Each structure stands twice: as structure tokens, then as C-alpha cells.
Amino acid sequence: CAASGRTFTIIAMDWFRQAPGKERE
């Protein structure tokens, strides 16, 4: 995951995933 911009404001990074027909989890 490449982040750009005001990255100094980031306090956490999350990974999510979404399978076909399912909600993002």
C-alpha cells in the first residue's frame, strides 16, 4: 500500500477485502 499526500497525518493503516457478492470486511 503506497500512501502519498499528507502522510504525517496518518494514525493507522487498515487492510480490507471484498469477495464477490459479499460486504467489504
mmCIF file of all heavy atoms, coordinates in Angstrom:
data_MODEL
# 
_entry.id   MODEL 
# 
loop_
_atom_site.group_PDB 
_atom_site.id 
_atom_site.type_symbol 
_atom_site.label_atom_id 
_atom_site.label_alt_id 
_atom_site.label_comp_id 
_atom_site.label_asym_id 
_atom_site.label_entity_id 
_atom_site.label_seq_id 
_atom_site.pdbx_PDB_ins_code 
_atom_site.Cartn_x 
_atom_site.Cartn_y 
_atom_site.Cartn_z 
_atom_site.occupancy 
_atom_site.B_iso_or_equiv 
_atom_site.pdbx_formal_charge 
_atom_site.auth_seq_id 
_atom_site.auth_comp_id 
_atom_site.auth_asym_id 
_atom_site.auth_atom_id 
_atom_site.pdbx_PDB_model_num 
ATOM 1   N N   . CYS A 1 1  ? 0.858   -1.171  0.000  1.00 0.00 ? 1  CYS A N   1 
ATOM 2   C CA  . CYS A 1 1  ? 0.000   0.000   0.000  1.00 0.00 ? 1  CYS A CA  1 
ATOM 3   C C   . CYS A 1 1  ? 0.897   1.224   0.000  1.00 0.00 ? 1  CYS A C   1 
ATOM 4   O O   . CYS A 1 1  ? 1.622   1.468   0.969  1.00 0.00 ? 1  CYS A O   1 
ATOM 5   C CB  . CYS A 1 1  ? -0.912  -0.004  1.231  1.00 0.00 ? 1  CYS A CB  1 
ATOM 6   S SG  . CYS A 1 1  ? -1.934  1.478   1.402  1.00 0.00 ? 1  CYS A SG  1 
ATOM 7   N N   . ALA A 1 2  ? 0.872   1.970   -1.088 1.00 0.00 ? 2  ALA A N   1 
ATOM 8   C CA  . ALA A 1 2  ? 1.674   3.178   -1.209 1.00 0.00 ? 2  ALA A CA  1 
ATOM 9   C C   . ALA A 1 2  ? 0.815   4.384   -0.878 1.00 0.00 ? 2  ALA A C   1 
ATOM 10  O O   . ALA A 1 2  ? -0.208  4.620   -1.526 1.00 0.00 ? 2  ALA A O   1 
ATOM 11  C CB  . ALA A 1 2  ? 2.245   3.296   -2.619 1.00 0.00 ? 2  ALA A CB  1 
ATOM 12  N N   . ALA A 1 3  ? 1.209   5.131   0.126  1.00 0.00 ? 3  ALA A N   1 
ATOM 13  C CA  . ALA A 1 3  ? 0.482   6.316   0.556  1.00 0.00 ? 3  ALA A CA  1 
ATOM 14  C C   . ALA A 1 3  ? 1.225   7.570   0.131  1.00 0.00 ? 3  ALA A C   1 
ATOM 15  O O   . ALA A 1 3  ? 2.458   7.611   0.141  1.00 0.00 ? 3  ALA A O   1 
ATOM 16  C CB  . ALA A 1 3  ? 0.282   6.310   2.070  1.00 0.00 ? 3  ALA A CB  1 
ATOM 17  N N   . SER A 1 4  ? 0.474   8.577   -0.233 1.00 0.00 ? 4  SER A N   1 
ATOM 18  C CA  . SER A 1 4  ? 1.059   9.844   -0.626 1.00 0.00 ? 4  SER A CA  1 
ATOM 19  C C   . SER A 1 4  ? 0.187   10.987  -0.119 1.00 0.00 ? 4  SER A C   1 
ATOM 20  O O   . SER A 1 4  ? -0.938  10.779  0.322  1.00 0.00 ? 4  SER A O   1 
ATOM 21  C CB  . SER A 1 4  ? 1.227   9.936   -2.145 1.00 0.00 ? 4  SER A CB  1 
ATOM 22  O OG  . SER A 1 4  ? -0.027  9.824   -2.801 1.00 0.00 ? 4  SER A OG  1 
ATOM 23  N N   . GLY A 1 5  ? 0.699   12.185  -0.210 1.00 0.00 ? 5  GLY A N   1 
ATOM 24  C CA  . GLY A 1 5  ? -0.004  13.345  0.293  1.00 0.00 ? 5  GLY A CA  1 
ATOM 25  C C   . GLY A 1 5  ? 0.455   13.674  1.699  1.00 0.00 ? 5  GLY A C   1 
ATOM 26  O O   . GLY A 1 5  ? 1.641   13.572  2.014  1.00 0.00 ? 5  GLY A O   1 
ATOM 27  N N   . ARG A 1 6  ? -0.486  14.031  2.551  1.00 0.00 ? 6  ARG A N   1 
ATOM 28  C CA  . ARG A 1 6  ? -0.177  14.414  3.923  1.00 0.00 ? 6  ARG A CA  1 
ATOM 29  C C   . ARG A 1 6  ? -0.067  13.177  4.809  1.00 0.00 ? 6  ARG A C   1 
ATOM 30  O O   . ARG A 1 6  ? -0.869  12.965  5.727  1.00 0.00 ? 6  ARG A O   1 
ATOM 31  C CB  . ARG A 1 6  ? -1.235  15.381  4.438  1.00 0.00 ? 6  ARG A CB  1 
ATOM 32  C CG  . ARG A 1 6  ? -1.265  16.706  3.673  1.00 0.00 ? 6  ARG A CG  1 
ATOM 33  C CD  . ARG A 1 6  ? -2.456  17.566  4.052  1.00 0.00 ? 6  ARG A CD  1 
ATOM 34  N NE  . ARG A 1 6  ? -2.503  17.894  5.461  1.00 0.00 ? 6  ARG A NE  1 
ATOM 35  C CZ  . ARG A 1 6  ? -1.873  18.921  6.034  1.00 0.00 ? 6  ARG A CZ  1 
ATOM 36  N NH1 . ARG A 1 6  ? -1.123  19.733  5.298  1.00 0.00 ? 6  ARG A NH1 1 
ATOM 37  N NH2 . ARG A 1 6  ? -1.991  19.137  7.328  1.00 0.00 ? 6  ARG A NH2 1 
ATOM 38  N N   . THR A 1 7  ? 0.944   12.364  4.523  1.00 0.00 ? 7  THR A N   1 
ATOM 39  C CA  . THR A 1 7  ? 1.071   11.091  5.228  1.00 0.00 ? 7  THR A CA  1 
ATOM 40  C C   . THR A 1 7  ? 1.402   11.266  6.700  1.00 0.00 ? 7  THR A C   1 
ATOM 41  O O   . THR A 1 7  ? 1.203   10.336  7.483  1.00 0.00 ? 7  THR A O   1 
ATOM 42  C CB  . THR A 1 7  ? 2.117   10.198  4.559  1.00 0.00 ? 7  THR A CB  1 
ATOM 43  O OG1 . THR A 1 7  ? 3.373   10.881  4.510  1.00 0.00 ? 7  THR A OG1 1 
ATOM 44  C CG2 . THR A 1 7  ? 1.686   9.835   3.144  1.00 0.00 ? 7  THR A CG2 1 
ATOM 45  N N   . PHE A 1 8  ? 1.901   12.419  7.087  1.00 0.00 ? 8  PHE A N   1 
ATOM 46  C CA  . PHE A 1 8  ? 2.199   12.642  8.501  1.00 0.00 ? 8  PHE A CA  1 
ATOM 47  C C   . PHE A 1 8  ? 0.940   12.701  9.349  1.00 0.00 ? 8  PHE A C   1 
ATOM 48  O O   . PHE A 1 8  ? 1.023   12.634  10.576 1.00 0.00 ? 8  PHE A O   1 
ATOM 49  C CB  . PHE A 1 8  ? 3.032   13.914  8.694  1.00 0.00 ? 8  PHE A CB  1 
ATOM 50  C CG  . PHE A 1 8  ? 2.314   15.182  8.358  1.00 0.00 ? 8  PHE A CG  1 
ATOM 51  C CD1 . PHE A 1 8  ? 1.601   15.867  9.322  1.00 0.00 ? 8  PHE A CD1 1 
ATOM 52  C CD2 . PHE A 1 8  ? 2.355   15.700  7.075  1.00 0.00 ? 8  PHE A CD2 1 
ATOM 53  C CE1 . PHE A 1 8  ? 0.942   17.046  9.023  1.00 0.00 ? 8  PHE A CE1 1 
ATOM 54  C CE2 . PHE A 1 8  ? 1.701   16.879  6.756  1.00 0.00 ? 8  PHE A CE2 1 
ATOM 55  C CZ  . PHE A 1 8  ? 0.989   17.547  7.735  1.00 0.00 ? 8  PHE A CZ  1 
ATOM 56  N N   . THR A 1 9  ? -0.223  12.831  8.717  1.00 0.00 ? 9  THR A N   1 
ATOM 57  C CA  . THR A 1 9  ? -1.486  12.853  9.451  1.00 0.00 ? 9  THR A CA  1 
ATOM 58  C C   . THR A 1 9  ? -2.058  11.454  9.680  1.00 0.00 ? 9  THR A C   1 
ATOM 59  O O   . THR A 1 9  ? -3.084  11.318  10.341 1.00 0.00 ? 9  THR A O   1 
ATOM 60  C CB  . THR A 1 9  ? -2.538  13.693  8.718  1.00 0.00 ? 9  THR A CB  1 
ATOM 61  O OG1 . THR A 1 9  ? -2.898  13.066  7.474  1.00 0.00 ? 9  THR A OG1 1 
ATOM 62  C CG2 . THR A 1 9  ? -1.995  15.096  8.426  1.00 0.00 ? 9  THR A CG2 1 
ATOM 63  N N   . ILE A 1 10 ? -1.414  10.426  9.140  1.00 0.00 ? 10 ILE A N   1 
ATOM 64  C CA  . ILE A 1 10 ? -1.913  9.066   9.291  1.00 0.00 ? 10 ILE A CA  1 
ATOM 65  C C   . ILE A 1 10 ? -1.654  8.567   10.708 1.00 0.00 ? 10 ILE A C   1 
ATOM 66  O O   . ILE A 1 10 ? -0.538  8.669   11.206 1.00 0.00 ? 10 ILE A O   1 
ATOM 67  C CB  . ILE A 1 10 ? -1.259  8.116   8.269  1.00 0.00 ? 10 ILE A CB  1 
ATOM 68  C CG1 . ILE A 1 10 ? -1.596  8.544   6.841  1.00 0.00 ? 10 ILE A CG1 1 
ATOM 69  C CG2 . ILE A 1 10 ? -1.706  6.674   8.521  1.00 0.00 ? 10 ILE A CG2 1 
ATOM 70  C CD1 . ILE A 1 10 ? -0.874  7.745   5.778  1.00 0.00 ? 10 ILE A CD1 1 
ATOM 71  N N   . ILE A 1 11 ? -2.676  8.006   11.331 1.00 0.00 ? 11 ILE A N   1 
ATOM 72  C CA  . ILE A 1 11 ? -2.516  7.425   12.661 1.00 0.00 ? 11 ILE A CA  1 
ATOM 73  C C   . ILE A 1 11 ? -2.677  5.910   12.658 1.00 0.00 ? 11 ILE A C   1 
ATOM 74  O O   . ILE A 1 11 ? -2.318  5.252   13.639 1.00 0.00 ? 11 ILE A O   1 
ATOM 75  C CB  . ILE A 1 11 ? -3.486  8.052   13.683 1.00 0.00 ? 11 ILE A CB  1 
ATOM 76  C CG1 . ILE A 1 11 ? -4.939  7.818   13.272 1.00 0.00 ? 11 ILE A CG1 1 
ATOM 77  C CG2 . ILE A 1 11 ? -3.195  9.538   13.839 1.00 0.00 ? 11 ILE A CG2 1 
ATOM 78  C CD1 . ILE A 1 11 ? -5.940  8.270   14.321 1.00 0.00 ? 11 ILE A CD1 1 
ATOM 79  N N   . ALA A 1 12 ? -3.206  5.347   11.583 1.00 0.00 ? 12 ALA A N   1 
ATOM 80  C CA  . ALA A 1 12 ? -3.329  3.904   11.460 1.00 0.00 ? 12 ALA A CA  1 
ATOM 81  C C   . ALA A 1 12 ? -3.577  3.561   10.003 1.00 0.00 ? 12 ALA A C   1 
ATOM 82  O O   . ALA A 1 12 ? -4.088  4.377   9.234  1.00 0.00 ? 12 ALA A O   1 
ATOM 83  C CB  . ALA A 1 12 ? -4.455  3.347   12.328 1.00 0.00 ? 12 ALA A CB  1 
ATOM 84  N N   . MET A 1 13 ? -3.216  2.351   9.627  1.00 0.00 ? 13 MET A N   1 
ATOM 85  C CA  . MET A 1 13 ? -3.491  1.856   8.286  1.00 0.00 ? 13 MET A CA  1 
ATOM 86  C C   . MET A 1 13 ? -4.190  0.513   8.396  1.00 0.00 ? 13 MET A C   1 
ATOM 87  O O   . MET A 1 13 ? -3.752  -0.357  9.157  1.00 0.00 ? 13 MET A O   1 
ATOM 88  C CB  . MET A 1 13 ? -2.208  1.715   7.475  1.00 0.00 ? 13 MET A CB  1 
ATOM 89  C CG  . MET A 1 13 ? -2.445  1.413   6.002  1.00 0.00 ? 13 MET A CG  1 
ATOM 90  S SD  . MET A 1 13 ? -3.098  2.836   5.089  1.00 0.00 ? 13 MET A SD  1 
ATOM 91  C CE  . MET A 1 13 ? -1.602  3.823   4.927  1.00 0.00 ? 13 MET A CE  1 
ATOM 92  N N   . ASP A 1 14 ? -5.261  0.373   7.652  1.00 0.00 ? 14 ASP A N   1 
ATOM 93  C CA  . ASP A 1 14 ? -6.060  -0.844  7.664  1.00 0.00 ? 14 ASP A CA  1 
ATOM 94  C C   . ASP A 1 14 ? -6.024  -1.522  6.303  1.00 0.00 ? 14 ASP A C   1 
ATOM 95  O O   . ASP A 1 14 ? -5.924  -0.868  5.260  1.00 0.00 ? 14 ASP A O   1 
ATOM 96  C CB  . ASP A 1 14 ? -7.526  -0.543  7.993  1.00 0.00 ? 14 ASP A CB  1 
ATOM 97  C CG  . ASP A 1 14 ? -7.732  -0.008  9.390  1.00 0.00 ? 14 ASP A CG  1 
ATOM 98  O OD1 . ASP A 1 14 ? -6.842  -0.200  10.244 1.00 0.00 ? 14 ASP A OD1 1 
ATOM 99  O OD2 . ASP A 1 14 ? -8.796  0.596   9.629  1.00 0.00 ? 14 ASP A OD2 1 
ATOM 100 N N   . TRP A 1 15 ? -6.124  -2.838  6.322  1.00 0.00 ? 15 TRP A N   1 
ATOM 101 C CA  . TRP A 1 15 ? -6.386  -3.624  5.126  1.00 0.00 ? 15 TRP A CA  1 
ATOM 102 C C   . TRP A 1 15 ? -7.790  -4.203  5.222  1.00 0.00 ? 15 TRP A C   1 
ATOM 103 O O   . TRP A 1 15 ? -8.181  -4.716  6.276  1.00 0.00 ? 15 TRP A O   1 
ATOM 104 C CB  . TRP A 1 15 ? -5.381  -4.759  4.958  1.00 0.00 ? 15 TRP A CB  1 
ATOM 105 C CG  . TRP A 1 15 ? -4.051  -4.328  4.435  1.00 0.00 ? 15 TRP A CG  1 
ATOM 106 C CD1 . TRP A 1 15 ? -2.928  -4.058  5.151  1.00 0.00 ? 15 TRP A CD1 1 
ATOM 107 C CD2 . TRP A 1 15 ? -3.697  -4.133  3.061  1.00 0.00 ? 15 TRP A CD2 1 
ATOM 108 N NE1 . TRP A 1 15 ? -1.900  -3.705  4.328  1.00 0.00 ? 15 TRP A NE1 1 
ATOM 109 C CE2 . TRP A 1 15 ? -2.341  -3.743  3.034  1.00 0.00 ? 15 TRP A CE2 1 
ATOM 110 C CE3 . TRP A 1 15 ? -4.384  -4.253  1.848  1.00 0.00 ? 15 TRP A CE3 1 
ATOM 111 C CZ2 . TRP A 1 15 ? -1.670  -3.465  1.839  1.00 0.00 ? 15 TRP A CZ2 1 
ATOM 112 C CZ3 . TRP A 1 15 ? -3.712  -3.976  0.670  1.00 0.00 ? 15 TRP A CZ3 1 
ATOM 113 C CH2 . TRP A 1 15 ? -2.378  -3.590  0.671  1.00 0.00 ? 15 TRP A CH2 1 
ATOM 114 N N   . PHE A 1 16 ? -8.531  -4.107  4.131  1.00 0.00 ? 16 PHE A N   1 
ATOM 115 C CA  . PHE A 1 16 ? -9.847  -4.698  3.990  1.00 0.00 ? 16 PHE A CA  1 
ATOM 116 C C   . PHE A 1 16 ? -9.842  -5.619  2.777  1.00 0.00 ? 16 PHE A C   1 
ATOM 117 O O   . PHE A 1 16 ? -8.940  -5.547  1.940  1.00 0.00 ? 16 PHE A O   1 
ATOM 118 C CB  . PHE A 1 16 ? -10.928 -3.631  3.798  1.00 0.00 ? 16 PHE A CB  1 
ATOM 119 C CG  . PHE A 1 16 ? -11.198 -2.784  5.004  1.00 0.00 ? 16 PHE A CG  1 
ATOM 120 C CD1 . PHE A 1 16 ? -10.342 -1.754  5.356  1.00 0.00 ? 16 PHE A CD1 1 
ATOM 121 C CD2 . PHE A 1 16 ? -12.322 -3.002  5.785  1.00 0.00 ? 16 PHE A CD2 1 
ATOM 122 C CE1 . PHE A 1 16 ? -10.595 -0.960  6.461  1.00 0.00 ? 16 PHE A CE1 1 
ATOM 123 C CE2 . PHE A 1 16 ? -12.590 -2.215  6.886  1.00 0.00 ? 16 PHE A CE2 1 
ATOM 124 C CZ  . PHE A 1 16 ? -11.719 -1.195  7.228  1.00 0.00 ? 16 PHE A CZ  1 
ATOM 125 N N   . ARG A 1 17 ? -10.858 -6.447  2.678  1.00 0.00 ? 17 ARG A N   1 
ATOM 126 C CA  . ARG A 1 17 ? -11.026 -7.253  1.481  1.00 0.00 ? 17 ARG A CA  1 
ATOM 127 C C   . ARG A 1 17 ? -12.505 -7.418  1.178  1.00 0.00 ? 17 ARG A C   1 
ATOM 128 O O   . ARG A 1 17 ? -13.349 -7.346  2.060  1.00 0.00 ? 17 ARG A O   1 
ATOM 129 C CB  . ARG A 1 17 ? -10.350 -8.620  1.615  1.00 0.00 ? 17 ARG A CB  1 
ATOM 130 C CG  . ARG A 1 17 ? -10.948 -9.525  2.677  1.00 0.00 ? 17 ARG A CG  1 
ATOM 131 C CD  . ARG A 1 17 ? -10.112 -10.789 2.806  1.00 0.00 ? 17 ARG A CD  1 
ATOM 132 N NE  . ARG A 1 17 ? -10.644 -11.704 3.800  1.00 0.00 ? 17 ARG A NE  1 
ATOM 133 C CZ  . ARG A 1 17 ? -10.035 -12.821 4.178  1.00 0.00 ? 17 ARG A CZ  1 
ATOM 134 N NH1 . ARG A 1 17 ? -8.858  -13.160 3.637  1.00 0.00 ? 17 ARG A NH1 1 
ATOM 135 N NH2 . ARG A 1 17 ? -10.592 -13.607 5.097  1.00 0.00 ? 17 ARG A NH2 1 
ATOM 136 N N   . GLN A 1 18 ? -12.795 -7.644  -0.082 1.00 0.00 ? 18 GLN A N   1 
ATOM 137 C CA  . GLN A 1 18 ? -14.170 -7.809  -0.518 1.00 0.00 ? 18 GLN A CA  1 
ATOM 138 C C   . GLN A 1 18 ? -14.230 -8.885  -1.591 1.00 0.00 ? 18 GLN A C   1 
ATOM 139 O O   . GLN A 1 18 ? -13.634 -8.748  -2.651 1.00 0.00 ? 18 GLN A O   1 
ATOM 140 C CB  . GLN A 1 18 ? -14.738 -6.500  -1.055 1.00 0.00 ? 18 GLN A CB  1 
ATOM 141 C CG  . GLN A 1 18 ? -16.215 -6.564  -1.388 1.00 0.00 ? 18 GLN A CG  1 
ATOM 142 C CD  . GLN A 1 18 ? -16.795 -5.195  -1.681 1.00 0.00 ? 18 GLN A CD  1 
ATOM 143 O OE1 . GLN A 1 18 ? -16.070 -4.267  -2.042 1.00 0.00 ? 18 GLN A OE1 1 
ATOM 144 N NE2 . GLN A 1 18 ? -18.095 -5.059  -1.515 1.00 0.00 ? 18 GLN A NE2 1 
ATOM 145 N N   . ALA A 1 19 ? -14.954 -9.943  -1.282 1.00 0.00 ? 19 ALA A N   1 
ATOM 146 C CA  . ALA A 1 19 ? -15.186 -11.019 -2.232 1.00 0.00 ? 19 ALA A CA  1 
ATOM 147 C C   . ALA A 1 19 ? -16.472 -10.739 -2.995 1.00 0.00 ? 19 ALA A C   1 
ATOM 148 O O   . ALA A 1 19 ? -17.347 -10.012 -2.511 1.00 0.00 ? 19 ALA A O   1 
ATOM 149 C CB  . ALA A 1 19 ? -15.278 -12.360 -1.507 1.00 0.00 ? 19 ALA A CB  1 
ATOM 150 N N   . PRO A 1 20 ? -16.625 -11.296 -4.191 1.00 0.00 ? 20 PRO A N   1 
ATOM 151 C CA  . PRO A 1 20 ? -17.839 -11.067 -4.964 1.00 0.00 ? 20 PRO A CA  1 
ATOM 152 C C   . PRO A 1 20 ? -19.097 -11.420 -4.180 1.00 0.00 ? 20 PRO A C   1 
ATOM 153 O O   . PRO A 1 20 ? -19.173 -12.486 -3.567 1.00 0.00 ? 20 PRO A O   1 
ATOM 154 C CB  . PRO A 1 20 ? -17.674 -11.979 -6.177 1.00 0.00 ? 20 PRO A CB  1 
ATOM 155 C CG  . PRO A 1 20 ? -16.196 -12.119 -6.329 1.00 0.00 ? 20 PRO A CG  1 
ATOM 156 C CD  . PRO A 1 20 ? -15.663 -12.137 -4.926 1.00 0.00 ? 20 PRO A CD  1 
ATOM 157 N N   . GLY A 1 21 ? -20.063 -10.515 -4.185 1.00 0.00 ? 21 GLY A N   1 
ATOM 158 C CA  . GLY A 1 21 ? -21.315 -10.754 -3.506 1.00 0.00 ? 21 GLY A CA  1 
ATOM 159 C C   . GLY A 1 21 ? -21.276 -10.587 -2.004 1.00 0.00 ? 21 GLY A C   1 
ATOM 160 O O   . GLY A 1 21 ? -22.287 -10.844 -1.341 1.00 0.00 ? 21 GLY A O   1 
ATOM 161 N N   . LYS A 1 22 ? -20.148 -10.164 -1.452 1.00 0.00 ? 22 LYS A N   1 
ATOM 162 C CA  . LYS A 1 22 ? -20.017 -10.002 -0.018 1.00 0.00 ? 22 LYS A CA  1 
ATOM 163 C C   . LYS A 1 22 ? -19.641 -8.563  0.324  1.00 0.00 ? 22 LYS A C   1 
ATOM 164 O O   . LYS A 1 22 ? -19.135 -7.814  -0.517 1.00 0.00 ? 22 LYS A O   1 
ATOM 165 C CB  . LYS A 1 22 ? -18.965 -10.957 0.550  1.00 0.00 ? 22 LYS A CB  1 
ATOM 166 C CG  . LYS A 1 22 ? -19.277 -12.428 0.345  1.00 0.00 ? 22 LYS A CG  1 
ATOM 167 C CD  . LYS A 1 22 ? -18.250 -13.314 1.012  1.00 0.00 ? 22 LYS A CD  1 
ATOM 168 C CE  . LYS A 1 22 ? -18.296 -13.191 2.520  1.00 0.00 ? 22 LYS A CE  1 
ATOM 169 N NZ  . LYS A 1 22 ? -17.334 -14.116 3.184  1.00 0.00 ? 22 LYS A NZ  1 
ATOM 170 N N   . GLU A 1 23 ? -19.912 -8.201  1.567  1.00 0.00 ? 23 GLU A N   1 
ATOM 171 C CA  . GLU A 1 23 ? -19.527 -6.881  2.043  1.00 0.00 ? 23 GLU A CA  1 
ATOM 172 C C   . GLU A 1 23 ? -18.027 -6.806  2.257  1.00 0.00 ? 23 GLU A C   1 
ATOM 173 O O   . GLU A 1 23 ? -17.357 -7.817  2.505  1.00 0.00 ? 23 GLU A O   1 
ATOM 174 C CB  . GLU A 1 23 ? -20.253 -6.561  3.349  1.00 0.00 ? 23 GLU A CB  1 
ATOM 175 C CG  . GLU A 1 23 ? -21.761 -6.419  3.213  1.00 0.00 ? 23 GLU A CG  1 
ATOM 176 C CD  . GLU A 1 23 ? -22.141 -5.206  2.405  1.00 0.00 ? 23 GLU A CD  1 
ATOM 177 O OE1 . GLU A 1 23 ? -21.481 -4.154  2.545  1.00 0.00 ? 23 GLU A OE1 1 
ATOM 178 O OE2 . GLU A 1 23 ? -23.094 -5.296  1.628  1.00 0.00 ? 23 GLU A OE2 1 
ATOM 179 N N   . ARG A 1 24 ? -17.499 -5.607  2.154  1.00 0.00 ? 24 ARG A N   1 
ATOM 180 C CA  . ARG A 1 24 ? -16.098 -5.393  2.453  1.00 0.00 ? 24 ARG A CA  1 
ATOM 181 C C   . ARG A 1 24 ? -15.862 -5.647  3.941  1.00 0.00 ? 24 ARG A C   1 
ATOM 182 O O   . ARG A 1 24 ? -16.616 -5.163  4.788  1.00 0.00 ? 24 ARG A O   1 
ATOM 183 C CB  . ARG A 1 24 ? -15.694 -3.973  2.072  1.00 0.00 ? 24 ARG A CB  1 
ATOM 184 C CG  . ARG A 1 24 ? -14.201 -3.720  2.067  1.00 0.00 ? 24 ARG A CG  1 
ATOM 185 C CD  . ARG A 1 24 ? -13.877 -2.425  1.318  1.00 0.00 ? 24 ARG A CD  1 
ATOM 186 N NE  . ARG A 1 24 ? -14.312 -2.489  -0.072 1.00 0.00 ? 24 ARG A NE  1 
ATOM 187 C CZ  . ARG A 1 24 ? -14.113 -1.523  -0.962 1.00 0.00 ? 24 ARG A CZ  1 
ATOM 188 N NH1 . ARG A 1 24 ? -13.483 -0.419  -0.600 1.00 0.00 ? 24 ARG A NH1 1 
ATOM 189 N NH2 . ARG A 1 24 ? -14.549 -1.666  -2.205 1.00 0.00 ? 24 ARG A NH2 1 
ATOM 190 N N   . GLU A 1 25 ? -14.822 -6.404  4.254  1.00 0.00 ? 25 GLU A N   1 
ATOM 191 C CA  . GLU A 1 25 ? -14.564 -6.779  5.629  1.00 0.00 ? 25 GLU A CA  1 
ATOM 192 C C   . GLU A 1 25 ? -13.161 -6.390  6.058  1.00 0.00 ? 25 GLU A C   1 
ATOM 193 O O   . GLU A 1 25 ? -12.222 -6.355  5.262  1.00 0.00 ? 25 GLU A O   1 
ATOM 194 C CB  . GLU A 1 25 ? -14.776 -8.286  5.846  1.00 0.00 ? 25 GLU A CB  1 
ATOM 195 C CG  . GLU A 1 25 ? -13.763 -9.162  5.139  1.00 0.00 ? 25 GLU A CG  1 
ATOM 196 C CD  . GLU A 1 25 ? -13.911 -10.638 5.479  1.00 0.00 ? 25 GLU A CD  1 
ATOM 197 O OE1 . GLU A 1 25 ? -14.775 -10.977 6.307  1.00 0.00 ? 25 GLU A OE1 1 
ATOM 198 O OE2 . GLU A 1 25 ? -13.152 -11.452 4.910  1.00 0.00 ? 25 GLU A OE2 1 
# 
